[in-house]
PDB file of N, CA and C in Angstrom:
ATOM      1  N   MET A   1      15.276  -9.633 -11.657  1.00  0.00           N
ATOM      2  CA  MET A   1      15.588  -8.077 -11.107  1.00  0.00           C
ATOM      3  C   MET A   1      16.992  -8.257 -10.864  1.00  0.00           C
ATOM      4  N   ASN A   2      17.565  -7.578 -11.849  1.00  0.00           N
ATOM      5  CA  ASN A   2      18.834  -7.551 -11.854  1.00  0.00           C
ATOM      6  C   ASN A   2      19.400  -6.020 -11.321  1.00  0.00           C
ATOM      7  N   GLN A   3      19.109  -5.128 -11.510  1.00  0.00           N
ATOM      8  CA  GLN A   3      19.644  -3.577 -11.245  1.00  0.00           C
ATOM      9  C   GLN A   3      19.014  -3.242  -9.424  1.00  0.00           C
ATOM     10  N   PRO A   4      20.125  -2.479  -9.325  1.00  0.00           N
ATOM     11  CA  PRO A   4      19.432  -2.650  -7.350  1.00  0.00           C
ATOM     12  C   PRO A   4      18.547  -1.239  -7.855  1.00  0.00           C
ATOM     13  N   LEU A   5      17.412  -1.281  -6.698  1.00  0.00           N
ATOM     14  CA  LEU A   5      16.365  -0.320  -6.536  1.00  0.00           C
ATOM     15  C   LEU A   5      17.010   0.993  -5.727  1.00  0.00           C
ATOM     16  N   PRO A   6      16.138   2.176  -6.481  1.00  0.00           N
ATOM     17  CA  PRO A   6      16.981   3.028  -5.046  1.00  0.00           C
ATOM     18  C   PRO A   6      15.959   3.167  -3.854  1.00  0.00           C
ATOM     19  N   PRO A   7      16.690   4.072  -3.179  1.00  0.00           N
ATOM     20  CA  PRO A   7      15.950   4.367  -1.888  1.00  0.00           C
ATOM     21  C   PRO A   7      15.378   4.685  -1.416  1.00  0.00           C
ATOM     22  N   SER A   8      14.449   5.484  -2.739  1.00  0.00           N
ATOM     23  CA  SER A   8      12.787   5.964  -2.687  1.00  0.00           C
ATOM     24  C   SER A   8      12.202   4.828  -2.819  1.00  0.00           C
ATOM     25  N   TYR A   9      12.466   3.800  -3.185  1.00  0.00           N
ATOM     26  CA  TYR A   9      11.654   2.485  -3.332  1.00  0.00           C
ATOM     27  C   TYR A   9      11.662   1.892  -1.885  1.00  0.00           C
ATOM     28  N   TYR A  10      12.327   1.329  -1.177  1.00  0.00           N
ATOM     29  CA  TYR A  10      12.258   0.648  -0.165  1.00  0.00           C
ATOM     30  C   TYR A  10      11.705   2.009   0.867  1.00  0.00           C
ATOM     31  N   GLU A  11      12.029   3.517   1.269  1.00  0.00           N
ATOM     32  CA  GLU A  11      11.374   4.243   1.735  1.00  0.00           C
ATOM     33  C   GLU A  11       9.487   4.044   1.611  1.00  0.00           C
ATOM     34  N   LEU A  12       9.369   4.138   0.323  1.00  0.00           N
ATOM     35  CA  LEU A  12       7.632   4.013  -0.037  1.00  0.00           C
ATOM     36  C   LEU A  12       7.098   3.102   0.560  1.00  0.00           C
ATOM     37  N   LEU A  13       7.880   1.638   0.189  1.00  0.00           N
ATOM     38  CA  LEU A  13       7.566   0.598   0.480  1.00  0.00           C
ATOM     39  C   LEU A  13       6.504   0.840   2.243  1.00  0.00           C
ATOM     40  N   GLU A  14       8.075   1.114   2.526  1.00  0.00           N
ATOM     41  CA  GLU A  14       8.216   1.062   4.520  1.00  0.00           C
ATOM     42  C   GLU A  14       6.925   2.156   4.819  1.00  0.00           C
ATOM     43  N   GLU A  15       6.966   3.024   4.084  1.00  0.00           N
ATOM     44  CA  GLU A  15       5.505   3.904   4.513  1.00  0.00           C
ATOM     45  C   GLU A  15       4.291   3.513   4.359  1.00  0.00           C
ATOM     46  N   ILE A  16       4.145   2.511   3.109  1.00  0.00           N
ATOM     47  CA  ILE A  16       3.054   2.298   2.621  1.00  0.00           C
ATOM     48  C   ILE A  16       2.462   0.941   3.601  1.00  0.00           C
ATOM     49  N   GLN A  17       3.775  -0.164   4.305  1.00  0.00           N
ATOM     50  CA  GLN A  17       3.596  -0.886   5.280  1.00  0.00           C
ATOM     51  C   GLN A  17       2.957  -0.387   6.559  1.00  0.00           C
ATOM     52  N   ALA A  18       3.859   0.663   6.955  1.00  0.00           N
ATOM     53  CA  ALA A  18       3.294   1.263   8.321  1.00  0.00           C
ATOM     54  C   ALA A  18       2.216   1.681   8.260  1.00  0.00           C
ATOM     55  N   VAL A  19       1.526   2.157   7.225  1.00  0.00           N
ATOM     56  CA  VAL A  19       0.272   3.019   7.151  1.00  0.00           C
ATOM     57  C   VAL A  19      -0.905   1.969   7.287  1.00  0.00           C
ATOM     58  N   ASP A  20      -0.525   0.747   6.503  1.00  0.00           N
ATOM     59  CA  ASP A  20      -1.348  -0.529   6.364  1.00  0.00           C
ATOM     60  C   ASP A  20      -1.873  -1.134   7.868  1.00  0.00           C
ATOM     61  N   PHE A  21      -0.097  -1.167   8.564  1.00  0.00           N
ATOM     62  CA  PHE A  21      -0.322  -1.658   9.828  1.00  0.00           C
ATOM     63  C   PHE A  21      -1.489  -1.158  11.022  1.00  0.00           C
ATOM     64  N   VAL A  22      -1.252   0.594  10.779  1.00  0.00           N
ATOM     65  CA  VAL A  22      -2.277   1.518  11.377  1.00  0.00           C
ATOM     66  C   VAL A  22      -3.686   0.889  10.976  1.00  0.00           C
ATOM     67  N   LEU A  23      -3.500   0.830  10.071  1.00  0.00           N
ATOM     68  CA  LEU A  23      -5.150   0.074   9.172  1.00  0.00           C
ATOM     69  C   LEU A  23      -5.446  -1.078   9.926  1.00  0.00           C
ATOM     70  N   VAL A  24      -4.326  -2.127  10.115  1.00  0.00           N
ATOM     71  CA  VAL A  24      -5.238  -3.050  10.803  1.00  0.00           C
ATOM     72  C   VAL A  24      -5.068  -2.732  12.075  1.00  0.00           C
ATOM     73  N   GLU A  25      -4.553  -2.306  12.949  1.00  0.00           N
ATOM     74  CA  GLU A  25      -4.765  -1.707  14.371  1.00  0.00           C
ATOM     75  C   GLU A  25      -6.285  -1.165  14.754  1.00  0.00           C
ATOM     76  N   LEU A  26      -6.454  -0.098  13.566  1.00  0.00           N
ATOM     77  CA  LEU A  26      -7.523   0.798  14.401  1.00  0.00           C
ATOM     78  C   LEU A  26      -8.829  -0.051  13.721  1.00  0.00           C
ATOM     79  N   THR A  27      -8.728  -1.289  12.649  1.00  0.00           N
ATOM     80  CA  THR A  27      -9.671  -1.975  12.539  1.00  0.00           C
ATOM     81  C   THR A  27     -10.022  -3.148  13.469  1.00  0.00           C
ATOM     82  N   LEU A  28      -9.170  -3.526  14.451  1.00  0.00           N
ATOM     83  CA  LEU A  28      -9.146  -4.834  15.299  1.00  0.00           C
ATOM     84  C   LEU A  28      -9.972  -3.664  16.693  1.00  0.00           C
ATOM     85  N   TYR A  29      -9.270  -2.286  17.191  1.00  0.00           N
ATOM     86  CA  TYR A  29     -10.197  -1.296  17.727  1.00  0.00           C
ATOM     87  C   TYR A  29     -11.458  -0.957  17.959  1.00  0.00           C
ATOM     88  N   LEU A  30     -11.628  -0.750  16.437  1.00  0.00           N
ATOM     89  CA  LEU A  30     -12.959  -0.466  16.106  1.00  0.00           C
ATOM     90  C   LEU A  30     -13.851  -1.715  15.589  1.00  0.00           C
ATOM     91  N   ASP A  31     -13.497  -2.769  15.898  1.00  0.00           N
ATOM     92  CA  ASP A  31     -14.395  -3.954  16.118  1.00  0.00           C
ATOM     93  C   ASP A  31     -14.866  -4.162  17.728  1.00  0.00           C
ATOM     94  N   THR A  32     -14.202  -3.220  18.446  1.00  0.00           N
ATOM     95  CA  THR A  32     -14.750  -3.698  19.532  1.00  0.00           C
ATOM     96  C   THR A  32     -15.376  -2.169  20.214  1.00  0.00           C
ATOM     97  N   HIS A  33     -14.819  -0.991  19.210  1.00  0.00           N
ATOM     98  CA  HIS A  33     -15.455   0.158  19.913  1.00  0.00           C
ATOM     99  C   HIS A  33     -16.313   1.228  18.581  1.00  0.00           C
ATOM    100  N   PRO A  34     -17.358   0.747  18.069  1.00  0.00           N
ATOM    101  CA  PRO A  34     -17.489   0.764  16.780  1.00  0.00           C
ATOM    102  C   PRO A  34     -18.381   2.071  16.420  1.00  0.00           C
ATOM    103  N   GLU A  35     -18.476   2.761  17.948  1.00  0.00           N
ATOM    104  CA  GLU A  35     -18.759   4.028  17.985  1.00  0.00           C
ATOM    105  C   GLU A  35     -17.502   5.335  17.752  1.00  0.00           C
ATOM    106  N   ASP A  36     -17.066   4.669  18.390  1.00  0.00           N
ATOM    107  CA  ASP A  36     -15.894   5.940  18.749  1.00  0.00           C
ATOM    108  C   ASP A  36     -15.750   6.636  16.943  1.00  0.00           C
ATOM    109  N   TYR A  37     -16.352   7.733  17.327  1.00  0.00           N
ATOM    110  CA  TYR A  37     -16.251   8.965  16.206  1.00  0.00           C
ATOM    111  C   TYR A  37     -14.834   8.918  15.528  1.00  0.00           C
ATOM    112  N   GLU A  38     -14.210   9.175  16.443  1.00  0.00           N
ATOM    113  CA  GLU A  38     -12.282   9.667  16.227  1.00  0.00           C
ATOM    114  C   GLU A  38     -11.647   8.855  15.988  1.00  0.00           C
ATOM    115  N   ALA A  39     -11.785   7.646  15.818  1.00  0.00           N
ATOM    116  CA  ALA A  39     -11.285   6.268  15.593  1.00  0.00           C
ATOM    117  C   ALA A  39     -11.619   6.359  14.217  1.00  0.00           C
ATOM    118  N   ILE A  40     -13.361   6.435  14.460  1.00  0.00           N
ATOM    119  CA  ILE A  40     -13.363   6.358  12.729  1.00  0.00           C
ATOM    120  C   ILE A  40     -12.680   7.363  11.343  1.00  0.00           C
ATOM    121  N   GLY A  41     -12.282   8.315  12.029  1.00  0.00           N
ATOM    122  CA  GLY A  41     -11.959   9.558  11.642  1.00  0.00           C
ATOM    123  C   GLY A  41     -10.712   9.162  11.133  1.00  0.00           C
ATOM    124  N   GLN A  42      -9.498   8.882  12.012  1.00  0.00           N
ATOM    125  CA  GLN A  42      -8.111   7.963  12.314  1.00  0.00           C
ATOM    126  C   GLN A  42      -8.052   7.257  10.794  1.00  0.00           C
ATOM    127  N   PHE A  43      -9.280   6.265  10.933  1.00  0.00           N
ATOM    128  CA  PHE A  43      -9.048   5.193   9.924  1.00  0.00           C
ATOM    129  C   PHE A  43      -9.640   5.589   8.718  1.00  0.00           C
ATOM    130  N   ASN A  44     -10.578   6.408   8.227  1.00  0.00           N
ATOM    131  CA  ASN A  44     -10.721   6.989   7.163  1.00  0.00           C
ATOM    132  C   ASN A  44      -9.654   8.019   6.783  1.00  0.00           C
ATOM    133  N   GLN A  45      -8.963   8.506   7.498  1.00  0.00           N
ATOM    134  CA  GLN A  45      -7.657   9.087   7.219  1.00  0.00           C
ATOM    135  C   GLN A  45      -6.450   8.607   6.512  1.00  0.00           C
ATOM    136  N   PHE A  46      -5.928   7.526   7.196  1.00  0.00           N
ATOM    137  CA  PHE A  46      -4.949   6.681   6.848  1.00  0.00           C
ATOM    138  C   PHE A  46      -5.614   5.685   5.528  1.00  0.00           C
ATOM    139  N   ALA A  47      -7.183   5.435   5.263  1.00  0.00           N
ATOM    140  CA  ALA A  47      -7.355   4.629   4.625  1.00  0.00           C
ATOM    141  C   ALA A  47      -6.929   5.311   3.058  1.00  0.00           C
ATOM    142  N   GLN A  48      -7.196   6.722   3.334  1.00  0.00           N
ATOM    143  CA  GLN A  48      -6.604   7.749   2.088  1.00  0.00           C
ATOM    144  C   GLN A  48      -5.655   7.780   2.148  1.00  0.00           C
ATOM    145  N   GLN A  49      -4.673   7.810   2.620  1.00  0.00           N
ATOM    146  CA  GLN A  49      -2.962   7.434   2.781  1.00  0.00           C
ATOM    147  C   GLN A  49      -2.884   6.754   2.077  1.00  0.00           C
ATOM    148  N   SER A  50      -3.533   5.313   2.619  1.00  0.00           N
ATOM    149  CA  SER A  50      -2.804   4.168   2.229  1.00  0.00           C
ATOM    150  C   SER A  50      -2.812   4.242   0.701  1.00  0.00           C
ATOM    151  N   LYS A  51      -4.328   4.611   0.187  1.00  0.00           N
ATOM    152  CA  LYS A  51      -4.697   4.420  -0.932  1.00  0.00           C
ATOM    153  C   LYS A  51      -3.770   5.597  -1.953  1.00  0.00           C
ATOM    154  N   LYS A  52      -3.172   6.566  -1.549  1.00  0.00           N
ATOM    155  CA  LYS A  52      -2.853   7.308  -2.397  1.00  0.00           C
ATOM    156  C   LYS A  52      -0.979   6.875  -2.316  1.00  0.00           C
ATOM    157  N   LEU A  53      -0.789   6.456  -1.307  1.00  0.00           N
ATOM    158  CA  LEU A  53       0.737   5.745  -1.664  1.00  0.00           C
ATOM    159  C   LEU A  53       0.793   4.694  -2.255  1.00  0.00           C
ATOM    160  N   LYS A  54      -0.344   4.267  -2.598  1.00  0.00           N
ATOM    161  CA  LYS A  54      -0.216   2.729  -3.627  1.00  0.00           C
ATOM    162  C   LYS A  54      -0.290   3.246  -4.636  1.00  0.00           C
ATOM    163  N   LYS A  55      -1.426   4.182  -5.014  1.00  0.00           N
ATOM    164  CA  LYS A  55      -1.019   4.676  -6.359  1.00  0.00           C
ATOM    165  C   LYS A  55       0.203   5.068  -7.061  1.00  0.00           C
ATOM    166  N   GLN A  56       0.749   6.078  -6.075  1.00  0.00           N
ATOM    167  CA  GLN A  56       2.225   6.571  -6.165  1.00  0.00           C
ATOM    168  C   GLN A  56       2.996   5.611  -7.041  1.00  0.00           C
ATOM    169  N   TYR A  57       3.079   4.331  -5.734  1.00  0.00           N
ATOM    170  CA  TYR A  57       4.094   3.163  -5.981  1.00  0.00           C
ATOM    171  C   TYR A  57       3.489   2.560  -7.395  1.00  0.00           C
ATOM    172  N   GLU A  58       2.635   2.608  -7.736  1.00  0.00           N
ATOM    173  CA  GLU A  58       2.571   2.052  -8.692  1.00  0.00           C
ATOM    174  C   GLU A  58       2.828   2.822  -9.957  1.00  0.00           C
ATOM    175  N   GLN A  59       2.564   3.693  -9.940  1.00  0.00           N
ATOM    176  CA  GLN A  59       3.270   4.957 -10.928  1.00  0.00           C
ATOM    177  C   GLN A  59       4.484   4.689 -11.331  1.00  0.00           C
ATOM    178  N   GLN A  60       5.208   4.840 -10.179  1.00  0.00           N
ATOM    179  CA  GLN A  60       6.628   4.825 -10.495  1.00  0.00           C
ATOM    180  C   GLN A  60       7.208   3.614 -10.870  1.00  0.00           C
ATOM    181  N   TYR A  61       6.786   2.522 -10.009  1.00  0.00           N
ATOM    182  CA  TYR A  61       7.421   0.629  -9.917  1.00  0.00           C
ATOM    183  C   TYR A  61       6.731  -0.305 -10.244  1.00  0.00           C
ATOM    184  N   GLY A  62       5.388  -0.038 -10.688  1.00  0.00           N
ATOM    185  CA  GLY A  62       4.399  -1.099 -10.822  1.00  0.00           C
ATOM    186  C   GLY A  62       3.272  -1.793 -10.789  1.00  0.00           C
ATOM    187  N   PRO A  63       2.695  -3.115 -11.232  1.00  0.00           N
ATOM    188  CA  PRO A  63       1.536  -2.914 -10.004  1.00  0.00           C
ATOM    189  C   PRO A  63       1.917  -3.460  -8.893  1.00  0.00           C
ATOM    190  N   LEU A  64       1.182  -3.528  -7.749  1.00  0.00           N
ATOM    191  CA  LEU A  64       1.485  -3.629  -6.085  1.00  0.00           C
ATOM    192  C   LEU A  64       0.450  -4.849  -5.290  1.00  0.00           C
ATOM    193  N   ARG A  65      -1.005  -4.329  -6.262  1.00  0.00           N
ATOM    194  CA  ARG A  65      -1.894  -5.183  -6.160  1.00  0.00           C
ATOM    195  C   ARG A  65      -2.605  -6.227  -6.905  1.00  0.00           C
ATOM    196  N   GLN A  66      -3.167  -7.494  -6.646  1.00  0.00           N
ATOM    197  CA  GLN A  66      -3.788  -8.474  -7.544  1.00  0.00           C
ATOM    198  C   GLN A  66      -5.650  -8.422  -7.166  1.00  0.00           C
ATOM    199  N   TYR A  67      -5.873  -9.061  -7.818  1.00  0.00           N
ATOM    200  CA  TYR A  67      -7.485  -9.539  -7.889  1.00  0.00           C
ATOM    201  C   TYR A  67      -8.217  -7.977  -8.097  1.00  0.00           C
ATOM    202  N   GLY A  68      -8.078  -7.275  -9.658  1.00  0.00           N
ATOM    203  CA  GLY A  68      -8.981  -6.185  -9.951  1.00  0.00           C
ATOM    204  C   GLY A  68      -8.283  -4.734  -8.961  1.00  0.00           C
ATOM    205  N   GLU A  69      -7.470  -4.819  -8.090  1.00  0.00           N
ATOM    206  CA  GLU A  69      -7.098  -3.678  -7.552  1.00  0.00           C
ATOM    207  C   GLU A  69      -5.822  -2.716  -8.223  1.00  0.00           C
ATOM    208  N   SER A  70      -5.128  -3.456  -8.570  1.00  0.00           N
ATOM    209  CA  SER A  70      -4.113  -2.601  -9.730  1.00  0.00           C
ATOM    210  C   SER A  70      -4.643  -2.834 -11.376  1.00  0.00           C
ATOM    211  N   TYR A  71      -3.892  -2.076 -11.755  1.00  0.00           N
ATOM    212  CA  TYR A  71      -4.172  -2.113 -13.533  1.00  0.00           C
ATOM    213  C   TYR A  71      -3.129  -2.997 -14.339  1.00  0.00           C
ATOM    214  N   SER A  72      -3.017  -3.249 -15.275  1.00  0.00           N
ATOM    215  CA  SER A  72      -2.140  -3.700 -15.967  1.00  0.00           C
ATOM    216  C   SER A  72      -1.533  -2.881 -16.928  1.00  0.00           C
ATOM    217  N   GLY A  73      -0.115  -2.650 -17.358  1.00  0.00           N
ATOM    218  CA  GLY A  73       0.136  -1.779 -18.617  1.00  0.00           C
ATOM    219  C   GLY A  73       0.179  -2.883 -19.630  1.00  0.00           C
ATOM    220  N   TYR A  74       0.113  -2.175 -21.075  1.00  0.00           N
ATOM    221  CA  TYR A  74       0.641  -2.934 -22.336  1.00  0.00           C
ATOM    222  C   TYR A  74       1.954  -3.148 -22.535  1.00  0.00           C
ATOM    223  N   PRO A  75       2.404  -4.155 -22.614  1.00  0.00           N
ATOM    224  CA  PRO A  75       2.276  -6.065 -22.525  1.00  0.00           C
ATOM    225  C   PRO A  75       1.893  -5.936 -21.031  1.00  0.00           C
ATOM    226  N   TRP A  76       1.119  -7.050 -21.002  1.00  0.00           N
ATOM    227  CA  TRP A  76       1.101  -7.587 -19.323  1.00  0.00           C
ATOM    228  C   TRP A  76       2.509  -7.052 -18.500  1.00  0.00           C
ATOM    229  N   ASN A  77       1.946  -6.312 -17.240  1.00  0.00           N
ATOM    230  CA  ASN A  77       3.524  -6.425 -17.005  1.00  0.00           C
ATOM    231  C   ASN A  77       3.810  -6.546 -15.448  1.00  0.00           C
ATOM    232  N   TRP A  78       3.024  -7.707 -14.553  1.00  0.00           N
ATOM    233  CA  TRP A  78       2.772  -7.956 -13.874  1.00  0.00           C
ATOM    234  C   TRP A  78       4.152  -8.836 -13.301  1.00  0.00           C
ATOM    235  N   ASN A  79       4.977  -9.530 -14.263  1.00  0.00           N
ATOM    236  CA  ASN A  79       6.215  -9.554 -13.986  1.00  0.00           C
ATOM    237  C   ASN A  79       7.268  -8.869 -14.115  1.00  0.00           C
ATOM    238  N   SER A  80       7.131  -8.013 -14.305  1.00  0.00           N
ATOM    239  CA  SER A  80       8.516  -6.753 -14.805  1.00  0.00           C
ATOM    240  C   SER A  80       8.668  -5.880 -13.061  1.00  0.00           C
ATOM    241  N   ALA A  81       7.704  -5.748 -12.107  1.00  0.00           N
ATOM    242  CA  ALA A  81       8.523  -5.225 -10.866  1.00  0.00           C
ATOM    243  C   ALA A  81       8.677  -5.881 -10.023  1.00  0.00           C
ATOM    244  N   PRO A  82       9.927  -5.963  -9.005  1.00  0.00           N
ATOM    245  CA  PRO A  82       9.769  -6.316  -8.374  1.00  0.00           C
ATOM    246  C   PRO A  82       8.860  -6.160  -7.253  1.00  0.00           C
ATOM    247  N   TRP A  83       8.837  -8.136  -6.550  1.00  0.00           N
ATOM    248  CA  TRP A  83       7.808  -8.057  -5.474  1.00  0.00           C
ATOM    249  C   TRP A  83       8.349  -7.586  -4.233  1.00  0.00           C
ATOM    250  N   PRO A  84       7.438  -7.161  -3.510  1.00  0.00           N
ATOM    251  CA  PRO A  84       8.135  -6.714  -1.774  1.00  0.00           C
ATOM    252  C   PRO A  84       8.980  -7.968  -1.338  1.00  0.00           C
ATOM    253  N   TRP A  85       8.565  -9.174  -1.628  1.00  0.00           N
ATOM    254  CA  TRP A  85       9.340 -10.276  -0.817  1.00  0.00           C
ATOM    255  C   TRP A  85      10.512 -10.535  -1.915  1.00  0.00           C
ATOM    256  N   GLN A  86      11.243  -9.754  -2.986  1.00  0.00           N
ATOM    257  CA  GLN A  86      12.121 -10.138  -3.524  1.00  0.00           C
ATOM    258  C   GLN A  86      13.467  -8.849  -3.369  1.00  0.00           C
ATOM    259  N   VAL A  87      13.125  -7.750  -2.521  1.00  0.00           N
ATOM    260  CA  VAL A  87      13.899  -6.838  -2.331  1.00  0.00           C
ATOM    261  C   VAL A  87      14.200  -6.899  -0.737  1.00  0.00           C
TER     262      VAL A  87
END
């Protein structure tokens, strides 16, 4: 990683982290309130938003997730994008 990243990179990564945090909290809540219809709806809404944001990130900056959840371009490009802990 030799060149600085644009502010939009950090903004998108922060938004992904915030949405995923909400998903963790909703998961914990739903573990003890499995019949809360409104919370399930919120969970599904945030799950869709998380998926959309991660797709946007990968289109702009490269793979974000491993174990088959993100595709690689050709040539193998897992080592070309900055990892979240490198920024």
